[in-house]
């Protein structure tokens, strides 16, 4: 049986789909998957042994110039590649109009979630069959339920396995138990932990004998990483590297501290001890999922607001680091003091790591 998965982006959403692939592969040994995914994320599905072929798509790049894209041979080549195989089933695990269009463009019976349980209900117009799952369940559970019902197999909800072949991520598999990765970059302005807190946390970590690595993905993140590392010789701003390179650094680390970002989900998929900081978003719906995960949630009464622009209207919140006063923005992160973050994170680390 051959199945096409349509889950094109983002990184966290792609990773959320992996446990469902593991479930299905265990239940149906003759089952194989192809996967349509954004070109920047092609590595991730390829790390799962049940995925035979990864078909890259470039929607993000194409939509920068829709007229040029309409005449682009690259789009026609993608459609031709997609239609070379007739699939027993096409699973739209994204639930967006763009993924629905790709699903219908392929050759096979298309299935997805019902219009009451996806972000863009119009996507259901492209499905031959629809399934309902509880909206309030975590994204990983929702996708596992979809695969289970579509492919008619059971799974153990208490067992989570992303199924990644880590030798494809890092052939050497060398873990430095005194090295940490701080994932400080994210998409929404409201999901950023205050920069001064990152600097303070870096000093706490290095005072406890750890070195800290700071990856970055754009110029703003690089500049923030440089400021976080300033004056601390045990903090290294990494060169810009592709996703596989960042995955390798994460896999070789003792643990990860992250904001709400796709790379945090990658750390969870690689079974790395990870503490994630949540302000405006709800980890119960889309937080890191798996073993050795700690979620720190805000105690502010307006959190989680799930807003890209902070609408807090209460009194201003400030703090100080190295004698300098600063405003805590967004205020929902005021409950995530660096000392408290470190105390919680230490619970994840091996007992002998600090010796």
C-alpha atoms as a PDB file:
ATOM      1  CA  UNK A   1       0.000   0.000   0.000  1.00  0.00           C
ATOM      2  CA  UNK A   2       1.341   3.411  -0.968  1.00  0.00           C
ATOM      3  CA  UNK A   3       0.201   6.612   0.763  1.00  0.00           C
ATOM      4  CA  UNK A   4       0.945  10.252   0.014  1.00  0.00           C
ATOM      5  CA  UNK A   5       1.225  12.657   2.951  1.00  0.00           C
ATOM      6  CA  UNK A   6       0.603  16.328   2.276  1.00  0.00           C
ATOM      7  CA  UNK A   7       2.084  18.350   5.128  1.00  0.00           C
ATOM      8  CA  UNK A   8       4.087  21.135   3.577  1.00  0.00           C
ATOM      9  CA  UNK A   9       4.930  23.401   6.515  1.00  0.00           C
ATOM     10  CA  UNK A  10       5.809  24.679   9.056  1.00  0.00           C
ATOM     11  CA  UNK A  11       8.671  22.821  10.743  1.00  0.00           C
ATOM     12  CA  UNK A  12       6.740  22.153  13.949  1.00  0.00           C
ATOM     13  CA  UNK A  13       3.677  20.944  12.032  1.00  0.00           C
ATOM     14  CA  UNK A  14       5.812  18.580   9.955  1.00  0.00           C
ATOM     15  CA  UNK A  15       7.384  17.119  13.092  1.00  0.00           C
ATOM     16  CA  UNK A  16       3.948  16.700  14.682  1.00  0.00           C
ATOM     17  CA  UNK A  17       3.098  14.283  11.847  1.00  0.00           C
ATOM     18  CA  UNK A  18       6.013  11.900  12.413  1.00  0.00           C
ATOM     19  CA  UNK A  19       4.521   9.846  15.312  1.00  0.00           C
ATOM     20  CA  UNK A  20       1.482   9.045  13.148  1.00  0.00           C
ATOM     21  CA  UNK A  21       3.836   7.746  10.452  1.00  0.00           C
ATOM     22  CA  UNK A  22       5.558   5.550  13.052  1.00  0.00           C
ATOM     23  CA  UNK A  23       2.191   4.191  14.238  1.00  0.00           C
ATOM     24  CA  UNK A  24       1.130   3.323  10.702  1.00  0.00           C
ATOM     25  CA  UNK A  25       4.472   1.757   9.788  1.00  0.00           C
ATOM     26  CA  UNK A  26       4.317  -0.513  12.829  1.00  0.00           C
ATOM     27  CA  UNK A  27       0.757  -1.588  12.079  1.00  0.00           C
ATOM     28  CA  UNK A  28       1.189  -2.117   8.318  1.00  0.00           C
ATOM     29  CA  UNK A  29       4.612  -3.457   7.401  1.00  0.00           C
ATOM     30  CA  UNK A  30       3.861  -3.303   3.691  1.00  0.00           C
ATOM     31  CA  UNK A  31       2.961   0.360   3.875  1.00  0.00           C
ATOM     32  CA  UNK A  32       5.212   3.057   2.399  1.00  0.00           C
ATOM     33  CA  UNK A  33       4.852   6.823   2.261  1.00  0.00           C
ATOM     34  CA  UNK A  34       5.686   9.639  -0.080  1.00  0.00           C
ATOM     35  CA  UNK A  35       5.568  13.145   1.396  1.00  0.00           C
ATOM     36  CA  UNK A  36       5.011  16.591  -0.126  1.00  0.00           C
ATOM     37  CA  UNK A  37       6.855  19.229   1.892  1.00  0.00           C
ATOM     38  CA  UNK A  38       8.260  22.745   1.492  1.00  0.00           C
ATOM     39  CA  UNK A  39      11.721  22.682  -0.059  1.00  0.00           C
ATOM     40  CA  UNK A  40      13.383  24.097   3.089  1.00  0.00           C
ATOM     41  CA  UNK A  41      12.197  21.125   5.176  1.00  0.00           C
ATOM     42  CA  UNK A  42      12.895  18.145   2.893  1.00  0.00           C
ATOM     43  CA  UNK A  43      15.437  16.669   5.313  1.00  0.00           C
ATOM     44  CA  UNK A  44      12.936  15.976   8.100  1.00  0.00           C
ATOM     45  CA  UNK A  45      10.627  13.449   6.370  1.00  0.00           C
ATOM     46  CA  UNK A  46      13.669  11.778   4.793  1.00  0.00           C
ATOM     47  CA  UNK A  47      14.964  10.910   8.267  1.00  0.00           C
ATOM     48  CA  UNK A  48      11.984   8.581   8.831  1.00  0.00           C
ATOM     49  CA  UNK A  49      12.567   5.039   7.441  1.00  0.00           C
ATOM     50  CA  UNK A  50       8.929   4.651   6.365  1.00  0.00           C
ATOM     51  CA  UNK A  51       9.180   7.585   3.943  1.00  0.00           C
ATOM     52  CA  UNK A  52      10.345   6.444   0.493  1.00  0.00           C
ATOM     53  CA  UNK A  53      10.207   9.648  -1.487  1.00  0.00           C
ATOM     54  CA  UNK A  54      10.115  13.310  -0.466  1.00  0.00           C
ATOM     55  CA  UNK A  55       8.546  15.615  -3.040  1.00  0.00           C
ATOM     56  CA  UNK A  56       9.618  19.235  -2.538  1.00  0.00           C
ATOM     57  CA  UNK A  57       7.225  22.097  -3.206  1.00  0.00           C
ATOM     58  CA  UNK A  58       8.063  25.801  -3.155  1.00  0.00           C
ATOM     59  CA  UNK A  59       4.770  27.543  -2.336  1.00  0.00           C
ATOM     60  CA  UNK A  60       6.482  30.127  -0.121  1.00  0.00           C
ATOM     61  CA  UNK A  61       8.874  31.081  -2.889  1.00  0.00           C
ATOM     62  CA  UNK A  62       6.321  30.868  -5.702  1.00  0.00           C
ATOM     63  CA  UNK A  63       3.755  33.151  -4.099  1.00  0.00           C
ATOM     64  CA  UNK A  64       6.214  36.049  -3.981  1.00  0.00           C
ATOM     65  CA  UNK A  65       5.388  36.499  -7.647  1.00  0.00           C
ATOM     66  CA  UNK A  66       2.116  34.776  -8.529  1.00  0.00           C
ATOM     67  CA  UNK A  67       2.090  35.876 -12.195  1.00  0.00           C
ATOM     68  CA  UNK A  68       5.592  34.569 -12.853  1.00  0.00           C
ATOM     69  CA  UNK A  69       4.730  31.383 -10.977  1.00  0.00           C
ATOM     70  CA  UNK A  70       1.672  30.782 -13.162  1.00  0.00           C
ATOM     71  CA  UNK A  71       3.978  30.597 -16.174  1.00  0.00           C
ATOM     72  CA  UNK A  72       6.766  28.778 -14.400  1.00  0.00           C
ATOM     73  CA  UNK A  73       7.931  25.423 -15.721  1.00  0.00           C
ATOM     74  CA  UNK A  74       8.885  24.569 -12.128  1.00  0.00           C
ATOM     75  CA  UNK A  75       5.217  24.424 -11.149  1.00  0.00           C
ATOM     76  CA  UNK A  76       4.368  22.202 -14.114  1.00  0.00           C
ATOM     77  CA  UNK A  77       7.305  19.953 -13.231  1.00  0.00           C
ATOM     78  CA  UNK A  78       6.023  19.641  -9.655  1.00  0.00           C
ATOM     79  CA  UNK A  79       2.573  18.625 -10.891  1.00  0.00           C
ATOM     80  CA  UNK A  80       4.083  16.066 -13.258  1.00  0.00           C
ATOM     81  CA  UNK A  81       6.197  14.584 -10.456  1.00  0.00           C
ATOM     82  CA  UNK A  82       3.204  14.469  -8.129  1.00  0.00           C
ATOM     83  CA  UNK A  83       1.114  12.585 -10.669  1.00  0.00           C
ATOM     84  CA  UNK A  84       3.666   9.933 -11.642  1.00  0.00           C
ATOM     85  CA  UNK A  85       2.330   7.670  -8.889  1.00  0.00           C
ATOM     86  CA  UNK A  86      -1.213   6.512  -8.235  1.00  0.00           C
ATOM     87  CA  UNK A  87      -1.716   6.365  -4.469  1.00  0.00           C
ATOM     88  CA  UNK A  88      -4.004   4.126  -2.474  1.00  0.00           C
ATOM     89  CA  UNK A  89      -4.614   7.081  -0.167  1.00  0.00           C
ATOM     90  CA  UNK A  90      -3.693  10.760  -0.040  1.00  0.00           C
ATOM     91  CA  UNK A  91      -3.723  12.188   3.493  1.00  0.00           C
ATOM     92  CA  UNK A  92      -3.909  15.955   3.867  1.00  0.00           C
ATOM     93  CA  UNK A  93      -2.487  16.290   7.379  1.00  0.00           C
ATOM     94  CA  UNK A  94      -2.387  20.094   7.141  1.00  0.00           C
ATOM     95  CA  UNK A  95      -5.988  21.163   6.701  1.00  0.00           C
ATOM     96  CA  UNK A  96      -5.278  24.298   4.652  1.00  0.00           C
ATOM     97  CA  UNK A  97      -6.552  25.325   1.233  1.00  0.00           C
ATOM     98  CA  UNK A  98      -3.052  25.061  -0.248  1.00  0.00           C
ATOM     99  CA  UNK A  99      -2.612  21.504   1.028  1.00  0.00           C
ATOM    100  CA  UNK A 100      -6.114  20.614  -0.125  1.00  0.00           C
ATOM    101  CA  UNK A 101      -5.281  21.775  -3.648  1.00  0.00           C
ATOM    102  CA  UNK A 102      -2.098  19.691  -3.669  1.00  0.00           C
ATOM    103  CA  UNK A 103      -4.035  16.679  -2.381  1.00  0.00           C
ATOM    104  CA  UNK A 104      -6.601  16.941  -5.157  1.00  0.00           C
ATOM    105  CA  UNK A 105      -3.865  17.544  -7.753  1.00  0.00           C
ATOM    106  CA  UNK A 106      -2.408  14.118  -6.921  1.00  0.00           C
ATOM    107  CA  UNK A 107      -3.797  10.782  -8.062  1.00  0.00           C
ATOM    108  CA  UNK A 108      -5.591   8.929  -5.258  1.00  0.00           C
ATOM    109  CA  UNK A 109      -8.442   8.955  -2.760  1.00  0.00           C
ATOM    110  CA  UNK A 110      -8.051  12.149  -0.721  1.00  0.00           C
ATOM    111  CA  UNK A 111      -8.854  12.296   2.984  1.00  0.00           C
ATOM    112  CA  UNK A 112      -8.565  14.916   5.702  1.00  0.00           C
ATOM    113  CA  UNK A 113     -10.179  16.317   8.811  1.00  0.00           C
ATOM    114  CA  UNK A 114     -13.732  17.651   8.833  1.00  0.00           C
ATOM    115  CA  UNK A 115     -14.539  21.334   8.447  1.00  0.00           C
ATOM    116  CA  UNK A 116     -15.185  21.708  12.182  1.00  0.00           C
ATOM    117  CA  UNK A 117     -11.707  20.521  13.109  1.00  0.00           C
ATOM    118  CA  UNK A 118      -9.311  22.374  10.773  1.00  0.00           C
ATOM    119  CA  UNK A 119      -8.131  25.977  10.459  1.00  0.00           C
ATOM    120  CA  UNK A 120      -9.409  26.495   6.893  1.00  0.00           C
ATOM    121  CA  UNK A 121     -12.737  24.658   6.490  1.00  0.00           C
ATOM    122  CA  UNK A 122     -12.817  25.265   2.716  1.00  0.00           C
ATOM    123  CA  UNK A 123      -9.992  22.732   2.412  1.00  0.00           C
ATOM    124  CA  UNK A 124     -12.550  19.974   2.942  1.00  0.00           C
ATOM    125  CA  UNK A 125     -13.936  20.670  -0.554  1.00  0.00           C
ATOM    126  CA  UNK A 126     -10.883  18.852  -1.917  1.00  0.00           C
ATOM    127  CA  UNK A 127     -11.408  15.653   0.131  1.00  0.00           C
ATOM    128  CA  UNK A 128     -13.220  12.482  -0.840  1.00  0.00           C
ATOM    129  CA  UNK A 129     -13.553  11.487   2.807  1.00  0.00           C
ATOM    130  CA  UNK A 130     -13.452  13.440   6.078  1.00  0.00           C
ATOM    131  CA  UNK A 131     -12.856  12.502   9.701  1.00  0.00           C
ATOM    132  CA  UNK A 132     -13.675  14.427  12.875  1.00  0.00           C
ATOM    133  CA  UNK A 133     -11.310  14.529  15.833  1.00  0.00           C
ATOM    134  CA  UNK A 134     -11.551  16.675  18.992  1.00  0.00           C
ATOM    135  CA  UNK A 135     -10.368  20.239  18.365  1.00  0.00           C
ATOM    136  CA  UNK A 136      -9.002  20.562  21.902  1.00  0.00           C
ATOM    137  CA  UNK A 137      -6.550  17.633  21.548  1.00  0.00           C
ATOM    138  CA  UNK A 138      -2.854  18.254  20.963  1.00  0.00           C
ATOM    139  CA  UNK A 139      -1.838  18.453  17.289  1.00  0.00           C
ATOM    140  CA  UNK A 140       0.186  15.217  17.575  1.00  0.00           C
ATOM    141  CA  UNK A 141      -2.836  13.337  18.941  1.00  0.00           C
ATOM    142  CA  UNK A 142      -5.128  14.776  16.271  1.00  0.00           C
ATOM    143  CA  UNK A 143      -2.913  13.586  13.433  1.00  0.00           C
ATOM    144  CA  UNK A 144      -2.406  10.169  15.029  1.00  0.00           C
ATOM    145  CA  UNK A 145      -6.182   9.801  15.227  1.00  0.00           C
ATOM    146  CA  UNK A 146      -6.577  10.816  11.580  1.00  0.00           C
ATOM    147  CA  UNK A 147      -4.024   8.236  10.386  1.00  0.00           C
ATOM    148  CA  UNK A 148      -5.452   5.566  12.676  1.00  0.00           C
ATOM    149  CA  UNK A 149      -8.978   5.963  11.349  1.00  0.00           C
ATOM    150  CA  UNK A 150      -7.982   6.367   7.712  1.00  0.00           C
ATOM    151  CA  UNK A 151      -5.604   3.371   7.728  1.00  0.00           C
ATOM    152  CA  UNK A 152      -7.643   1.302  10.208  1.00  0.00           C
ATOM    153  CA  UNK A 153      -5.099   0.556  12.912  1.00  0.00           C
ATOM    154  CA  UNK A 154      -4.817   1.028  16.658  1.00  0.00           C
ATOM    155  CA  UNK A 155      -1.997   2.757  18.508  1.00  0.00           C
ATOM    156  CA  UNK A 156      -0.865   3.268  22.085  1.00  0.00           C
ATOM    157  CA  UNK A 157      -1.590   6.895  22.982  1.00  0.00           C
ATOM    158  CA  UNK A 158       0.798   6.697  25.933  1.00  0.00           C
ATOM    159  CA  UNK A 159       3.739   5.760  23.722  1.00  0.00           C
ATOM    160  CA  UNK A 160       5.323   8.436  21.563  1.00  0.00           C
ATOM    161  CA  UNK A 161       7.917   7.624  18.911  1.00  0.00           C
ATOM    162  CA  UNK A 162       8.932  10.063  16.185  1.00  0.00           C
ATOM    163  CA  UNK A 163      10.774   7.234  14.422  1.00  0.00           C
ATOM    164  CA  UNK A 164      13.725   9.308  13.201  1.00  0.00           C
ATOM    165  CA  UNK A 165      16.857   7.487  12.084  1.00  0.00           C
ATOM    166  CA  UNK A 166      19.308   9.624  14.049  1.00  0.00           C
ATOM    167  CA  UNK A 167      22.282   8.195  12.165  1.00  0.00           C
ATOM    168  CA  UNK A 168      21.027  10.229   9.193  1.00  0.00           C
ATOM    169  CA  UNK A 169      21.086  13.345  11.381  1.00  0.00           C
ATOM    170  CA  UNK A 170      24.500  12.694  12.912  1.00  0.00           C
ATOM    171  CA  UNK A 171      26.576   9.690  11.898  1.00  0.00           C
ATOM    172  CA  UNK A 172      29.036  10.214  14.775  1.00  0.00           C
ATOM    173  CA  UNK A 173      26.366  10.526  17.501  1.00  0.00           C
ATOM    174  CA  UNK A 174      28.759  12.247  19.916  1.00  0.00           C
ATOM    175  CA  UNK A 175      26.985  13.943  22.824  1.00  0.00           C
ATOM    176  CA  UNK A 176      28.744  16.688  24.784  1.00  0.00           C
ATOM    177  CA  UNK A 177      27.180  16.547  28.238  1.00  0.00           C
ATOM    178  CA  UNK A 178      28.469  20.021  29.073  1.00  0.00           C
ATOM    179  CA  UNK A 179      27.004  21.744  26.016  1.00  0.00           C
ATOM    180  CA  UNK A 180      23.577  23.366  25.703  1.00  0.00           C
ATOM    181  CA  UNK A 181      21.672  24.924  22.824  1.00  0.00           C
ATOM    182  CA  UNK A 182      19.522  28.027  23.326  1.00  0.00           C
ATOM    183  CA  UNK A 183      16.841  28.391  20.644  1.00  0.00           C
ATOM    184  CA  UNK A 184      16.049  32.087  20.893  1.00  0.00           C
ATOM    185  CA  UNK A 185      14.566  32.699  17.425  1.00  0.00           C
ATOM    186  CA  UNK A 186      10.880  32.470  16.589  1.00  0.00           C
ATOM    187  CA  UNK A 187       8.377  33.987  14.177  1.00  0.00           C
ATOM    188  CA  UNK A 188       5.926  36.050  16.257  1.00  0.00           C
ATOM    189  CA  UNK A 189       7.196  39.094  18.141  1.00  0.00           C
ATOM    190  CA  UNK A 190       5.009  38.062  21.086  1.00  0.00           C
ATOM    191  CA  UNK A 191       6.749  34.679  21.418  1.00  0.00           C
ATOM    192  CA  UNK A 192      10.186  36.190  22.062  1.00  0.00           C
ATOM    193  CA  UNK A 193      11.574  35.810  25.588  1.00  0.00           C
ATOM    194  CA  UNK A 194      13.269  39.090  26.611  1.00  0.00           C
ATOM    195  CA  UNK A 195      16.819  39.393  25.350  1.00  0.00           C
ATOM    196  CA  UNK A 196      18.138  40.430  28.772  1.00  0.00           C
ATOM    197  CA  UNK A 197      16.698  37.214  30.195  1.00  0.00           C
ATOM    198  CA  UNK A 198      18.628  35.213  27.598  1.00  0.00           C
ATOM    199  CA  UNK A 199      21.846  36.997  28.602  1.00  0.00           C
ATOM    200  CA  UNK A 200      21.178  36.340  32.281  1.00  0.00           C
ATOM    201  CA  UNK A 201      20.378  32.676  31.630  1.00  0.00           C
ATOM    202  CA  UNK A 202      23.560  32.282  29.575  1.00  0.00           C
ATOM    203  CA  UNK A 203      25.603  33.552  32.544  1.00  0.00           C
ATOM    204  CA  UNK A 204      23.825  31.131  34.890  1.00  0.00           C
ATOM    205  CA  UNK A 205      24.524  28.223  32.523  1.00  0.00           C
ATOM    206  CA  UNK A 206      28.193  29.038  32.049  1.00  0.00           C
ATOM    207  CA  UNK A 207      28.669  29.663  35.782  1.00  0.00           C
ATOM    208  CA  UNK A 208      27.426  26.088  36.214  1.00  0.00           C
ATOM    209  CA  UNK A 209      30.114  24.749  33.890  1.00  0.00           C
ATOM    210  CA  UNK A 210      28.195  24.572  30.597  1.00  0.00           C
ATOM    211  CA  UNK A 211      28.990  26.028  27.211  1.00  0.00           C
ATOM    212  CA  UNK A 212      26.122  27.487  25.196  1.00  0.00           C
ATOM    213  CA  UNK A 213      25.514  27.431  21.436  1.00  0.00           C
ATOM    214  CA  UNK A 214      23.332  30.038  19.740  1.00  0.00           C
ATOM    215  CA  UNK A 215      22.064  29.195  16.222  1.00  0.00           C
ATOM    216  CA  UNK A 216      20.339  31.803  14.066  1.00  0.00           C
ATOM    217  CA  UNK A 217      18.383  31.927  10.831  1.00  0.00           C
ATOM    218  CA  UNK A 218      18.255  35.586   9.782  1.00  0.00           C
ATOM    219  CA  UNK A 219      20.109  38.834  10.365  1.00  0.00           C
ATOM    220  CA  UNK A 220      17.906  39.959  13.272  1.00  0.00           C
ATOM    221  CA  UNK A 221      18.501  36.637  15.039  1.00  0.00           C
ATOM    222  CA  UNK A 222      22.240  36.854  14.385  1.00  0.00           C
ATOM    223  CA  UNK A 223      22.418  40.299  15.951  1.00  0.00           C
ATOM    224  CA  UNK A 224      20.418  39.161  18.980  1.00  0.00           C
ATOM    225  CA  UNK A 225      22.693  36.138  19.376  1.00  0.00           C
ATOM    226  CA  UNK A 226      25.749  38.421  19.309  1.00  0.00           C
ATOM    227  CA  UNK A 227      24.261  40.596  22.043  1.00  0.00           C
ATOM    228  CA  UNK A 228      23.355  37.572  24.178  1.00  0.00           C
ATOM    229  CA  UNK A 229      26.896  36.222  23.836  1.00  0.00           C
ATOM    230  CA  UNK A 230      28.651  39.542  24.456  1.00  0.00           C
ATOM    231  CA  UNK A 231      31.223  39.323  27.262  1.00  0.00           C
ATOM    232  CA  UNK A 232      30.749  35.587  27.839  1.00  0.00           C
ATOM    233  CA  UNK A 233      33.510  33.454  26.321  1.00  0.00           C
ATOM    234  CA  UNK A 234      31.595  30.225  26.920  1.00  0.00           C
ATOM    235  CA  UNK A 235      28.760  31.298  24.624  1.00  0.00           C
ATOM    236  CA  UNK A 236      29.276  30.671  20.900  1.00  0.00           C
ATOM    237  CA  UNK A 237      27.281  32.230  18.076  1.00  0.00           C
ATOM    238  CA  UNK A 238      27.235  29.530  15.414  1.00  0.00           C
ATOM    239  CA  UNK A 239      27.753  30.169  11.731  1.00  0.00           C
ATOM    240  CA  UNK A 240      24.574  30.122   9.721  1.00  0.00           C
ATOM    241  CA  UNK A 241      23.867  26.531   8.796  1.00  0.00           C
ATOM    242  CA  UNK A 242      21.170  24.460   7.069  1.00  0.00           C
ATOM    243  CA  UNK A 243      18.504  22.657   9.044  1.00  0.00           C
ATOM    244  CA  UNK A 244      20.504  19.424   9.166  1.00  0.00           C
ATOM    245  CA  UNK A 245      23.452  21.271  10.678  1.00  0.00           C
ATOM    246  CA  UNK A 246      21.300  22.771  13.422  1.00  0.00           C
ATOM    247  CA  UNK A 247      19.750  19.343  14.043  1.00  0.00           C
ATOM    248  CA  UNK A 248      23.248  17.900  14.452  1.00  0.00           C
ATOM    249  CA  UNK A 249      24.168  20.571  17.034  1.00  0.00           C
ATOM    250  CA  UNK A 250      20.947  19.893  18.938  1.00  0.00           C
ATOM    251  CA  UNK A 251      21.511  16.139  18.854  1.00  0.00           C
ATOM    252  CA  UNK A 252      25.038  16.527  20.216  1.00  0.00           C
ATOM    253  CA  UNK A 253      23.922  18.742  23.110  1.00  0.00           C
ATOM    254  CA  UNK A 254      22.990  17.773  26.657  1.00  0.00           C
ATOM    255  CA  UNK A 255      19.779  19.749  26.438  1.00  0.00           C
ATOM    256  CA  UNK A 256      17.871  22.635  24.928  1.00  0.00           C
ATOM    257  CA  UNK A 257      16.090  25.732  26.184  1.00  0.00           C
ATOM    258  CA  UNK A 258      13.709  27.191  23.608  1.00  0.00           C
ATOM    259  CA  UNK A 259      10.954  29.629  22.925  1.00  0.00           C
ATOM    260  CA  UNK A 260       7.915  28.411  20.968  1.00  0.00           C
ATOM    261  CA  UNK A 261       9.716  27.544  17.726  1.00  0.00           C
ATOM    262  CA  UNK A 262       9.892  24.725  15.208  1.00  0.00           C
ATOM    263  CA  UNK A 263      13.432  23.873  16.276  1.00  0.00           C
ATOM    264  CA  UNK A 264      12.111  23.179  19.770  1.00  0.00           C
ATOM    265  CA  UNK A 265       9.851  20.506  18.275  1.00  0.00           C
ATOM    266  CA  UNK A 266      12.872  19.123  16.442  1.00  0.00           C
ATOM    267  CA  UNK A 267      14.692  18.847  19.773  1.00  0.00           C
ATOM    268  CA  UNK A 268      11.746  16.885  21.183  1.00  0.00           C
ATOM    269  CA  UNK A 269      11.737  14.584  18.134  1.00  0.00           C
ATOM    270  CA  UNK A 270      15.443  13.932  18.739  1.00  0.00           C
ATOM    271  CA  UNK A 271      14.616  13.011  22.377  1.00  0.00           C
ATOM    272  CA  UNK A 272      16.617  15.912  23.793  1.00  0.00           C
ATOM    273  CA  UNK A 273      15.760  17.235  27.258  1.00  0.00           C
ATOM    274  CA  UNK A 274      13.994  20.481  26.369  1.00  0.00           C
ATOM    275  CA  UNK A 275      12.496  23.286  28.407  1.00  0.00           C
ATOM    276  CA  UNK A 276      10.183  25.482  26.338  1.00  0.00           C
ATOM    277  CA  UNK A 277       8.990  28.974  27.251  1.00  0.00           C
ATOM    278  CA  UNK A 278       5.381  29.843  26.439  1.00  0.00           C
ATOM    279  CA  UNK A 279       3.701  33.229  26.759  1.00  0.00           C
ATOM    280  CA  UNK A 280       0.934  33.906  24.237  1.00  0.00           C
ATOM    281  CA  UNK A 281       0.610  30.321  22.968  1.00  0.00           C
ATOM    282  CA  UNK A 282      -0.907  27.193  24.477  1.00  0.00           C
ATOM    283  CA  UNK A 283       1.446  24.186  24.790  1.00  0.00           C
ATOM    284  CA  UNK A 284      -1.550  21.957  25.434  1.00  0.00           C
ATOM    285  CA  UNK A 285      -2.533  22.343  21.776  1.00  0.00           C
ATOM    286  CA  UNK A 286       0.788  22.598  19.983  1.00  0.00           C
ATOM    287  CA  UNK A 287       3.665  22.502  22.481  1.00  0.00           C
ATOM    288  CA  UNK A 288       6.698  20.233  22.327  1.00  0.00           C
ATOM    289  CA  UNK A 289       5.502  16.663  22.711  1.00  0.00           C
ATOM    290  CA  UNK A 290       7.286  13.638  24.101  1.00  0.00           C
ATOM    291  CA  UNK A 291       9.642  12.559  26.827  1.00  0.00           C
ATOM    292  CA  UNK A 292      11.907  14.854  28.855  1.00  0.00           C
ATOM    293  CA  UNK A 293       9.870  17.961  28.052  1.00  0.00           C
ATOM    294  CA  UNK A 294       9.042  20.822  30.406  1.00  0.00           C
ATOM    295  CA  UNK A 295       6.637  23.613  29.441  1.00  0.00           C
ATOM    296  CA  UNK A 296       6.776  26.877  31.370  1.00  0.00           C
ATOM    297  CA  UNK A 297       3.488  28.759  30.953  1.00  0.00           C
ATOM    298  CA  UNK A 298       2.717  32.337  31.873  1.00  0.00           C
ATOM    299  CA  UNK A 299       0.628  33.106  34.947  1.00  0.00           C
ATOM    300  CA  UNK A 300      -0.679  36.357  33.456  1.00  0.00           C
ATOM    301  CA  UNK A 301      -4.476  36.235  33.246  1.00  0.00           C
ATOM    302  CA  UNK A 302      -4.548  37.214  29.558  1.00  0.00           C
ATOM    303  CA  UNK A 303      -2.292  34.305  28.548  1.00  0.00           C
ATOM    304  CA  UNK A 304      -2.528  32.380  26.296  1.00  0.00           C
ATOM    305  CA  UNK A 305      -3.982  35.022  23.998  1.00  0.00           C
ATOM    306  CA  UNK A 306      -2.656  33.413  20.779  1.00  0.00           C
ATOM    307  CA  UNK A 307      -2.003  36.857  19.298  1.00  0.00           C
ATOM    308  CA  UNK A 308       0.888  38.053  17.176  1.00  0.00           C
ATOM    309  CA  UNK A 309       0.504  41.573  18.583  1.00  0.00           C
ATOM    310  CA  UNK A 310       0.390  42.029  22.363  1.00  0.00           C
ATOM    311  CA  UNK A 311      -2.831  43.650  23.602  1.00  0.00           C
ATOM    312  CA  UNK A 312      -1.889  43.737  27.295  1.00  0.00           C
ATOM    313  CA  UNK A 313      -3.264  46.914  28.931  1.00  0.00           C
ATOM    314  CA  UNK A 314      -2.237  46.442  32.563  1.00  0.00           C
ATOM    315  CA  UNK A 315       0.567  48.152  34.484  1.00  0.00           C
ATOM    316  CA  UNK A 316       4.048  47.996  32.966  1.00  0.00           C
ATOM    317  CA  UNK A 317       6.390  45.222  34.091  1.00  0.00           C
ATOM    318  CA  UNK A 318      10.119  45.791  34.507  1.00  0.00           C
ATOM    319  CA  UNK A 319      13.155  43.887  35.725  1.00  0.00           C
ATOM    320  CA  UNK A 320      16.909  44.387  36.007  1.00  0.00           C
ATOM    321  CA  UNK A 321      20.059  42.562  34.934  1.00  0.00           C
ATOM    322  CA  UNK A 322      23.618  43.633  35.740  1.00  0.00           C
ATOM    323  CA  UNK A 323      22.265  46.828  37.251  1.00  0.00           C
ATOM    324  CA  UNK A 324      20.311  47.854  34.146  1.00  0.00           C
ATOM    325  CA  UNK A 325      16.532  48.253  34.259  1.00  0.00           C
ATOM    326  CA  UNK A 326      14.462  47.012  31.303  1.00  0.00           C
ATOM    327  CA  UNK A 327      10.822  46.536  30.400  1.00  0.00           C
ATOM    328  CA  UNK A 328       9.635  42.937  30.201  1.00  0.00           C
ATOM    329  CA  UNK A 329       7.955  42.656  26.820  1.00  0.00           C
ATOM    330  CA  UNK A 330       5.672  40.922  26.315  1.00  0.00           C
ATOM    331  CA  UNK A 331       4.645  41.056  30.003  1.00  0.00           C
ATOM    332  CA  UNK A 332       3.409  37.437  29.970  1.00  0.00           C
ATOM    333  CA  UNK A 333       7.077  36.361  30.195  1.00  0.00           C
ATOM    334  CA  UNK A 334       7.632  38.141  33.523  1.00  0.00           C
ATOM    335  CA  UNK A 335       6.826  34.872  35.311  1.00  0.00           C
ATOM    336  CA  UNK A 336       9.711  33.144  33.497  1.00  0.00           C
ATOM    337  CA  UNK A 337      12.623  34.489  35.513  1.00  0.00           C
ATOM    338  CA  UNK A 338      16.032  33.129  34.376  1.00  0.00           C
ATOM    339  CA  UNK A 339      16.773  31.665  37.823  1.00  0.00           C
ATOM    340  CA  UNK A 340      13.446  29.823  37.804  1.00  0.00           C
ATOM    341  CA  UNK A 341      14.014  28.624  34.245  1.00  0.00           C
ATOM    342  CA  UNK A 342      17.403  27.200  35.195  1.00  0.00           C
ATOM    343  CA  UNK A 343      16.064  25.507  38.320  1.00  0.00           C
ATOM    344  CA  UNK A 344      13.397  23.773  36.260  1.00  0.00           C
ATOM    345  CA  UNK A 345      15.801  22.898  33.446  1.00  0.00           C
ATOM    346  CA  UNK A 346      18.282  21.245  35.814  1.00  0.00           C
ATOM    347  CA  UNK A 347      15.609  18.656  36.594  1.00  0.00           C
ATOM    348  CA  UNK A 348      15.960  17.384  33.026  1.00  0.00           C
ATOM    349  CA  UNK A 349      19.729  17.056  33.039  1.00  0.00           C
ATOM    350  CA  UNK A 350      21.566  13.876  34.072  1.00  0.00           C
ATOM    351  CA  UNK A 351      22.625  13.864  37.721  1.00  0.00           C
ATOM    352  CA  UNK A 352      26.314  13.744  36.790  1.00  0.00           C
ATOM    353  CA  UNK A 353      26.153  16.522  34.216  1.00  0.00           C
ATOM    354  CA  UNK A 354      27.045  19.279  36.656  1.00  0.00           C
ATOM    355  CA  UNK A 355      30.014  17.421  38.144  1.00  0.00           C
END
